[in-house]
């Protein structure tokens, strides 16, 4: 059972529940926040799913993210 929102779900909730004024004032910030959330979720998933992870797993997860998504 999943117990936390994905970055996309969080952003959708922000957009759906905001007034036009809030959207105009915050949309760039929310996109930046959701991208950071997504990055952390990818790193966490890699760390939790890496069967070879012994030491420096978080560093490898960060390296994996950068190789895959920061092109």
PDB file of N, CA and C in Angstrom:
ATOM      1  N   UNK A   1       0.839  -1.186   0.000  1.00  0.00           N
ATOM      2  CA  UNK A   1       0.000   0.000   0.000  1.00  0.00           C
ATOM      3  C   UNK A   1       0.882   1.247   0.000  1.00  0.00           C
ATOM      4  N   UNK A   2       0.598   2.154  -0.872  1.00  0.00           N
ATOM      5  CA  UNK A   2       1.355   3.400  -1.019  1.00  0.00           C
ATOM      6  C   UNK A   2       0.844   4.412  -0.005  1.00  0.00           C
ATOM      7  N   UNK A   3       1.755   5.084   0.666  1.00  0.00           N
ATOM      8  CA  UNK A   3       1.338   6.009   1.703  1.00  0.00           C
ATOM      9  C   UNK A   3       1.844   7.434   1.505  1.00  0.00           C
ATOM     10  N   UNK A   4       2.397   7.731   0.333  1.00  0.00           N
ATOM     11  CA  UNK A   4       2.802   9.113   0.091  1.00  0.00           C
ATOM     12  C   UNK A   4       2.493   9.502  -1.343  1.00  0.00           C
ATOM     13  N   UNK A   5       2.325  10.790  -1.538  1.00  0.00           N
ATOM     14  CA  UNK A   5       1.987  11.304  -2.859  1.00  0.00           C
ATOM     15  C   UNK A   5       3.211  11.308  -3.762  1.00  0.00           C
ATOM     16  N   UNK A   6       2.961  11.084  -5.038  1.00  0.00           N
ATOM     17  CA  UNK A   6       4.027  11.308  -6.013  1.00  0.00           C
ATOM     18  C   UNK A   6       4.122  12.809  -6.256  1.00  0.00           C
ATOM     19  N   UNK A   7       5.188  13.222  -6.896  1.00  0.00           N
ATOM     20  CA  UNK A   7       5.361  14.635  -7.226  1.00  0.00           C
ATOM     21  C   UNK A   7       4.239  15.121  -8.137  1.00  0.00           C
ATOM     22  N   UNK A   8       3.823  14.285  -9.068  1.00  0.00           N
ATOM     23  CA  UNK A   8       2.752  14.654 -10.000  1.00  0.00           C
ATOM     24  C   UNK A   8       1.428  14.821  -9.245  1.00  0.00           C
ATOM     25  N   UNK A   9       1.140  13.915  -8.324  1.00  0.00           N
ATOM     26  CA  UNK A   9      -0.091  14.035  -7.537  1.00  0.00           C
ATOM     27  C   UNK A   9      -0.073  15.298  -6.680  1.00  0.00           C
ATOM     28  N   UNK A  10       1.072  15.591  -6.081  1.00  0.00           N
ATOM     29  CA  UNK A  10       1.202  16.793  -5.250  1.00  0.00           C
ATOM     30  C   UNK A  10       0.961  18.045  -6.091  1.00  0.00           C
ATOM     31  N   UNK A  11       1.589  18.103  -7.269  1.00  0.00           N
ATOM     32  CA  UNK A  11       1.430  19.268  -8.144  1.00  0.00           C
ATOM     33  C   UNK A  11      -0.016  19.387  -8.630  1.00  0.00           C
ATOM     34  N   UNK A  12      -0.615  18.284  -9.003  1.00  0.00           N
ATOM     35  CA  UNK A  12      -2.012  18.308  -9.445  1.00  0.00           C
ATOM     36  C   UNK A  12      -2.911  18.861  -8.349  1.00  0.00           C
ATOM     37  N   UNK A  13      -2.697  18.428  -7.130  1.00  0.00           N
ATOM     38  CA  UNK A  13      -3.488  18.923  -5.999  1.00  0.00           C
ATOM     39  C   UNK A  13      -3.310  20.430  -5.822  1.00  0.00           C
ATOM     40  N   UNK A  14      -2.064  20.889  -5.899  1.00  0.00           N
ATOM     41  CA  UNK A  14      -1.793  22.334  -5.783  1.00  0.00           C
ATOM     42  C   UNK A  14      -2.533  23.115  -6.871  1.00  0.00           C
ATOM     43  N   UNK A  15      -2.431  22.637  -8.109  1.00  0.00           N
ATOM     44  CA  UNK A  15      -3.052  23.339  -9.223  1.00  0.00           C
ATOM     45  C   UNK A  15      -4.573  23.319  -9.117  1.00  0.00           C
ATOM     46  N   UNK A  16      -5.134  22.190  -8.745  1.00  0.00           N
ATOM     47  CA  UNK A  16      -6.588  22.039  -8.688  1.00  0.00           C
ATOM     48  C   UNK A  16      -7.214  22.842  -7.561  1.00  0.00           C
ATOM     49  N   UNK A  17      -6.485  23.052  -6.475  1.00  0.00           N
ATOM     50  CA  UNK A  17      -7.064  23.703  -5.301  1.00  0.00           C
ATOM     51  C   UNK A  17      -6.702  25.179  -5.180  1.00  0.00           C
ATOM     52  N   UNK A  18      -6.072  25.732  -6.191  1.00  0.00           N
ATOM     53  CA  UNK A  18      -5.588  27.106  -6.091  1.00  0.00           C
ATOM     54  C   UNK A  18      -6.454  28.074  -6.876  1.00  0.00           C
ATOM     55  N   UNK A  19      -6.500  29.280  -6.345  1.00  0.00           N
ATOM     56  CA  UNK A  19      -7.183  30.354  -7.063  1.00  0.00           C
ATOM     57  C   UNK A  19      -6.285  30.826  -8.198  1.00  0.00           C
ATOM     58  N   UNK A  20      -6.860  31.620  -9.083  1.00  0.00           N
ATOM     59  CA  UNK A  20      -6.080  32.150 -10.202  1.00  0.00           C
ATOM     60  C   UNK A  20      -4.910  32.987  -9.696  1.00  0.00           C
ATOM     61  N   UNK A  21      -5.132  33.760  -8.647  1.00  0.00           N
ATOM     62  CA  UNK A  21      -4.049  34.577  -8.083  1.00  0.00           C
ATOM     63  C   UNK A  21      -2.923  33.701  -7.545  1.00  0.00           C
ATOM     64  N   UNK A  22      -3.288  32.632  -6.843  1.00  0.00           N
ATOM     65  CA  UNK A  22      -2.274  31.722  -6.317  1.00  0.00           C
ATOM     66  C   UNK A  22      -1.494  31.052  -7.449  1.00  0.00           C
ATOM     67  N   UNK A  23      -2.190  30.680  -8.510  1.00  0.00           N
ATOM     68  CA  UNK A  23      -1.519  30.062  -9.653  1.00  0.00           C
ATOM     69  C   UNK A  23      -0.481  30.993 -10.247  1.00  0.00           C
ATOM     70  N   UNK A  24      -0.890  32.222 -10.491  1.00  0.00           N
ATOM     71  CA  UNK A  24       0.012  33.200 -11.110  1.00  0.00           C
ATOM     72  C   UNK A  24       1.233  33.432 -10.223  1.00  0.00           C
ATOM     73  N   UNK A  25       1.013  33.515  -8.929  1.00  0.00           N
ATOM     74  CA  UNK A  25       2.115  33.818  -8.016  1.00  0.00           C
ATOM     75  C   UNK A  25       3.021  32.646  -7.679  1.00  0.00           C
ATOM     76  N   UNK A  26       2.544  31.429  -7.876  1.00  0.00           N
ATOM     77  CA  UNK A  26       3.293  30.284  -7.361  1.00  0.00           C
ATOM     78  C   UNK A  26       3.646  29.198  -8.370  1.00  0.00           C
ATOM     79  N   UNK A  27       3.170  29.277  -9.583  1.00  0.00           N
ATOM     80  CA  UNK A  27       3.320  28.141 -10.495  1.00  0.00           C
ATOM     81  C   UNK A  27       4.781  27.762 -10.736  1.00  0.00           C
ATOM     82  N   UNK A  28       5.659  28.729 -10.919  1.00  0.00           N
ATOM     83  CA  UNK A  28       7.076  28.410 -11.135  1.00  0.00           C
ATOM     84  C   UNK A  28       7.696  27.761  -9.906  1.00  0.00           C
ATOM     85  N   UNK A  29       7.362  28.253  -8.732  1.00  0.00           N
ATOM     86  CA  UNK A  29       7.843  27.663  -7.483  1.00  0.00           C
ATOM     87  C   UNK A  29       7.347  26.230  -7.343  1.00  0.00           C
ATOM     88  N   UNK A  30       6.073  25.992  -7.631  1.00  0.00           N
ATOM     89  CA  UNK A  30       5.512  24.645  -7.495  1.00  0.00           C
ATOM     90  C   UNK A  30       6.149  23.664  -8.464  1.00  0.00           C
ATOM     91  N   UNK A  31       6.407  24.102  -9.690  1.00  0.00           N
ATOM     92  CA  UNK A  31       7.087  23.224 -10.641  1.00  0.00           C
ATOM     93  C   UNK A  31       8.490  22.883 -10.145  1.00  0.00           C
ATOM     94  N   UNK A  32       9.188  23.868  -9.617  1.00  0.00           N
ATOM     95  CA  UNK A  32      10.525  23.625  -9.080  1.00  0.00           C
ATOM     96  C   UNK A  32      10.453  22.650  -7.899  1.00  0.00           C
ATOM     97  N   UNK A  33       9.497  22.867  -7.006  1.00  0.00           N
ATOM     98  CA  UNK A  33       9.337  21.975  -5.855  1.00  0.00           C
ATOM     99  C   UNK A  33       8.976  20.556  -6.294  1.00  0.00           C
ATOM    100  N   UNK A  34       8.098  20.438  -7.271  1.00  0.00           N
ATOM    101  CA  UNK A  34       7.681  19.104  -7.711  1.00  0.00           C
ATOM    102  C   UNK A  34       8.829  18.372  -8.414  1.00  0.00           C
ATOM    103  N   UNK A  35       9.670  19.099  -9.137  1.00  0.00           N
ATOM    104  CA  UNK A  35      10.827  18.463  -9.772  1.00  0.00           C
ATOM    105  C   UNK A  35      11.807  17.959  -8.716  1.00  0.00           C
ATOM    106  N   UNK A  36      11.990  18.722  -7.655  1.00  0.00           N
ATOM    107  CA  UNK A  36      12.868  18.279  -6.562  1.00  0.00           C
ATOM    108  C   UNK A  36      12.275  17.070  -5.842  1.00  0.00           C
ATOM    109  N   UNK A  37      10.954  17.077  -5.642  1.00  0.00           N
ATOM    110  CA  UNK A  37      10.287  15.925  -5.041  1.00  0.00           C
ATOM    111  C   UNK A  37      10.475  14.690  -5.912  1.00  0.00           C
ATOM    112  N   UNK A  38      10.289  14.848  -7.217  1.00  0.00           N
ATOM    113  CA  UNK A  38      10.447  13.726  -8.137  1.00  0.00           C
ATOM    114  C   UNK A  38      11.875  13.187  -8.094  1.00  0.00           C
ATOM    115  N   UNK A  39      12.844  14.076  -8.070  1.00  0.00           N
ATOM    116  CA  UNK A  39      14.244  13.664  -7.978  1.00  0.00           C
ATOM    117  C   UNK A  39      14.461  12.828  -6.726  1.00  0.00           C
ATOM    118  N   UNK A  40      13.965  13.299  -5.589  1.00  0.00           N
ATOM    119  CA  UNK A  40      14.157  12.574  -4.336  1.00  0.00           C
ATOM    120  C   UNK A  40      13.436  11.231  -4.366  1.00  0.00           C
ATOM    121  N   UNK A  41      12.254  11.185  -4.971  1.00  0.00           N
ATOM    122  CA  UNK A  41      11.517   9.930  -5.069  1.00  0.00           C
ATOM    123  C   UNK A  41      12.260   8.925  -5.939  1.00  0.00           C
ATOM    124  N   UNK A  42      12.876   9.374  -7.013  1.00  0.00           N
ATOM    125  CA  UNK A  42      13.665   8.492  -7.876  1.00  0.00           C
ATOM    126  C   UNK A  42      14.887   7.981  -7.130  1.00  0.00           C
ATOM    127  N   UNK A  43      15.559   8.869  -6.424  1.00  0.00           N
ATOM    128  CA  UNK A  43      16.735   8.469  -5.641  1.00  0.00           C
ATOM    129  C   UNK A  43      16.336   7.462  -4.564  1.00  0.00           C
ATOM    130  N   UNK A  44      15.235   7.726  -3.878  1.00  0.00           N
ATOM    131  CA  UNK A  44      14.768   6.806  -2.835  1.00  0.00           C
ATOM    132  C   UNK A  44      14.417   5.443  -3.419  1.00  0.00           C
ATOM    133  N   UNK A  45      13.725   5.434  -4.550  1.00  0.00           N
ATOM    134  CA  UNK A  45      13.339   4.172  -5.178  1.00  0.00           C
ATOM    135  C   UNK A  45      14.573   3.389  -5.611  1.00  0.00           C
ATOM    136  N   UNK A  46      15.550   4.071  -6.154  1.00  0.00           N
ATOM    137  CA  UNK A  46      16.788   3.403  -6.555  1.00  0.00           C
ATOM    138  C   UNK A  46      17.485   2.820  -5.333  1.00  0.00           C
ATOM    139  N   UNK A  47      17.580   3.606  -4.275  1.00  0.00           N
ATOM    140  CA  UNK A  47      18.257   3.154  -3.059  1.00  0.00           C
ATOM    141  C   UNK A  47      17.559   1.951  -2.446  1.00  0.00           C
ATOM    142  N   UNK A  48      16.241   1.988  -2.407  1.00  0.00           N
ATOM    143  CA  UNK A  48      15.469   0.907  -1.803  1.00  0.00           C
ATOM    144  C   UNK A  48      15.470  -0.338  -2.677  1.00  0.00           C
ATOM    145  N   UNK A  49      15.594  -0.168  -3.977  1.00  0.00           N
ATOM    146  CA  UNK A  49      15.499  -1.294  -4.885  1.00  0.00           C
ATOM    147  C   UNK A  49      16.825  -1.862  -5.350  1.00  0.00           C
ATOM    148  N   UNK A  50      17.929  -1.244  -4.984  1.00  0.00           N
ATOM    149  CA  UNK A  50      19.243  -1.695  -5.435  1.00  0.00           C
ATOM    150  C   UNK A  50      19.688  -2.903  -4.616  1.00  0.00           C
ATOM    151  N   UNK A  51      19.643  -4.090  -5.227  1.00  0.00           N
ATOM    152  CA  UNK A  51      20.004  -5.308  -4.508  1.00  0.00           C
ATOM    153  C   UNK A  51      21.496  -5.392  -4.226  1.00  0.00           C
ATOM    154  N   UNK A  52      22.291  -4.629  -4.932  1.00  0.00           N
ATOM    155  CA  UNK A  52      23.732  -4.644  -4.705  1.00  0.00           C
ATOM    156  C   UNK A  52      24.183  -3.543  -3.756  1.00  0.00           C
ATOM    157  N   UNK A  53      23.245  -2.779  -3.234  1.00  0.00           N
ATOM    158  CA  UNK A  53      23.598  -1.644  -2.392  1.00  0.00           C
ATOM    159  C   UNK A  53      24.185  -2.066  -1.065  1.00  0.00           C
ATOM    160  N   UNK A  54      25.414  -1.674  -0.850  1.00  0.00           N
ATOM    161  CA  UNK A  54      26.067  -1.989   0.418  1.00  0.00           C
ATOM    162  C   UNK A  54      26.497  -0.684   1.071  1.00  0.00           C
ATOM    163  N   UNK A  55      27.455  -0.009   0.445  1.00  0.00           N
ATOM    164  CA  UNK A  55      27.951   1.254   0.986  1.00  0.00           C
ATOM    165  C   UNK A  55      27.781   2.341  -0.075  1.00  0.00           C
ATOM    166  N   UNK A  56      27.609   3.548   0.373  1.00  0.00           N
ATOM    167  CA  UNK A  56      27.484   4.699  -0.515  1.00  0.00           C
ATOM    168  C   UNK A  56      26.311   4.558  -1.479  1.00  0.00           C
ATOM    169  N   UNK A  57      25.276   3.878  -1.043  1.00  0.00           N
ATOM    170  CA  UNK A  57      24.116   3.661  -1.898  1.00  0.00           C
ATOM    171  C   UNK A  57      23.463   4.981  -2.287  1.00  0.00           C
ATOM    172  N   UNK A  58      23.371   5.920  -1.343  1.00  0.00           N
ATOM    173  CA  UNK A  58      22.738   7.200  -1.655  1.00  0.00           C
ATOM    174  C   UNK A  58      23.554   7.962  -2.694  1.00  0.00           C
ATOM    175  N   UNK A  59      24.870   7.894  -2.603  1.00  0.00           N
ATOM    176  CA  UNK A  59      25.706   8.562  -3.592  1.00  0.00           C
ATOM    177  C   UNK A  59      25.487   7.942  -4.971  1.00  0.00           C
ATOM    178  N   UNK A  60      25.392   6.621  -5.049  1.00  0.00           N
ATOM    179  CA  UNK A  60      25.139   5.967  -6.328  1.00  0.00           C
ATOM    180  C   UNK A  60      23.757   6.323  -6.856  1.00  0.00           C
ATOM    181  N   UNK A  61      22.794   6.448  -5.963  1.00  0.00           N
ATOM    182  CA  UNK A  61      21.453   6.827  -6.389  1.00  0.00           C
ATOM    183  C   UNK A  61      21.454   8.224  -6.988  1.00  0.00           C
ATOM    184  N   UNK A  62      22.176   9.141  -6.373  1.00  0.00           N
ATOM    185  CA  UNK A  62      22.299  10.504  -6.898  1.00  0.00           C
ATOM    186  C   UNK A  62      22.993  10.473  -8.261  1.00  0.00           C
ATOM    187  N   UNK A  63      24.038   9.666  -8.385  1.00  0.00           N
ATOM    188  CA  UNK A  63      24.742   9.521  -9.657  1.00  0.00           C
ATOM    189  C   UNK A  63      23.802   8.947 -10.713  1.00  0.00           C
ATOM    190  N   UNK A  64      23.009   7.935 -10.355  1.00  0.00           N
ATOM    191  CA  UNK A  64      22.035   7.351 -11.275  1.00  0.00           C
ATOM    192  C   UNK A  64      21.050   8.413 -11.756  1.00  0.00           C
ATOM    193  N   UNK A  65      20.518   9.195 -10.824  1.00  0.00           N
ATOM    194  CA  UNK A  65      19.566  10.243 -11.199  1.00  0.00           C
ATOM    195  C   UNK A  65      20.208  11.214 -12.186  1.00  0.00           C
ATOM    196  N   UNK A  66      21.400  11.671 -11.860  1.00  0.00           N
ATOM    197  CA  UNK A  66      22.072  12.649 -12.725  1.00  0.00           C
ATOM    198  C   UNK A  66      22.364  12.083 -14.110  1.00  0.00           C
ATOM    199  N   UNK A  67      22.757  10.831 -14.172  1.00  0.00           N
ATOM    200  CA  UNK A  67      23.034  10.205 -15.465  1.00  0.00           C
ATOM    201  C   UNK A  67      21.759  10.034 -16.301  1.00  0.00           C
ATOM    202  N   UNK A  68      20.667   9.711 -15.647  1.00  0.00           N
ATOM    203  CA  UNK A  68      19.435   9.424 -16.365  1.00  0.00           C
ATOM    204  C   UNK A  68      18.602  10.665 -16.693  1.00  0.00           C
ATOM    205  N   UNK A  69      18.620  11.655 -15.806  1.00  0.00           N
ATOM    206  CA  UNK A  69      17.660  12.753 -15.925  1.00  0.00           C
ATOM    207  C   UNK A  69      18.280  14.143 -16.060  1.00  0.00           C
ATOM    208  N   UNK A  70      19.552  14.311 -15.842  1.00  0.00           N
ATOM    209  CA  UNK A  70      20.188  15.617 -15.985  1.00  0.00           C
ATOM    210  C   UNK A  70      21.048  15.673 -17.232  1.00  0.00           C
ATOM    211  N   UNK A  71      20.437  15.419 -18.353  1.00  0.00           N
ATOM    212  CA  UNK A  71      21.184  15.410 -19.621  1.00  0.00           C
ATOM    213  C   UNK A  71      21.092  16.742 -20.304  1.00  0.00           C
TER     214      UNK A  71
END
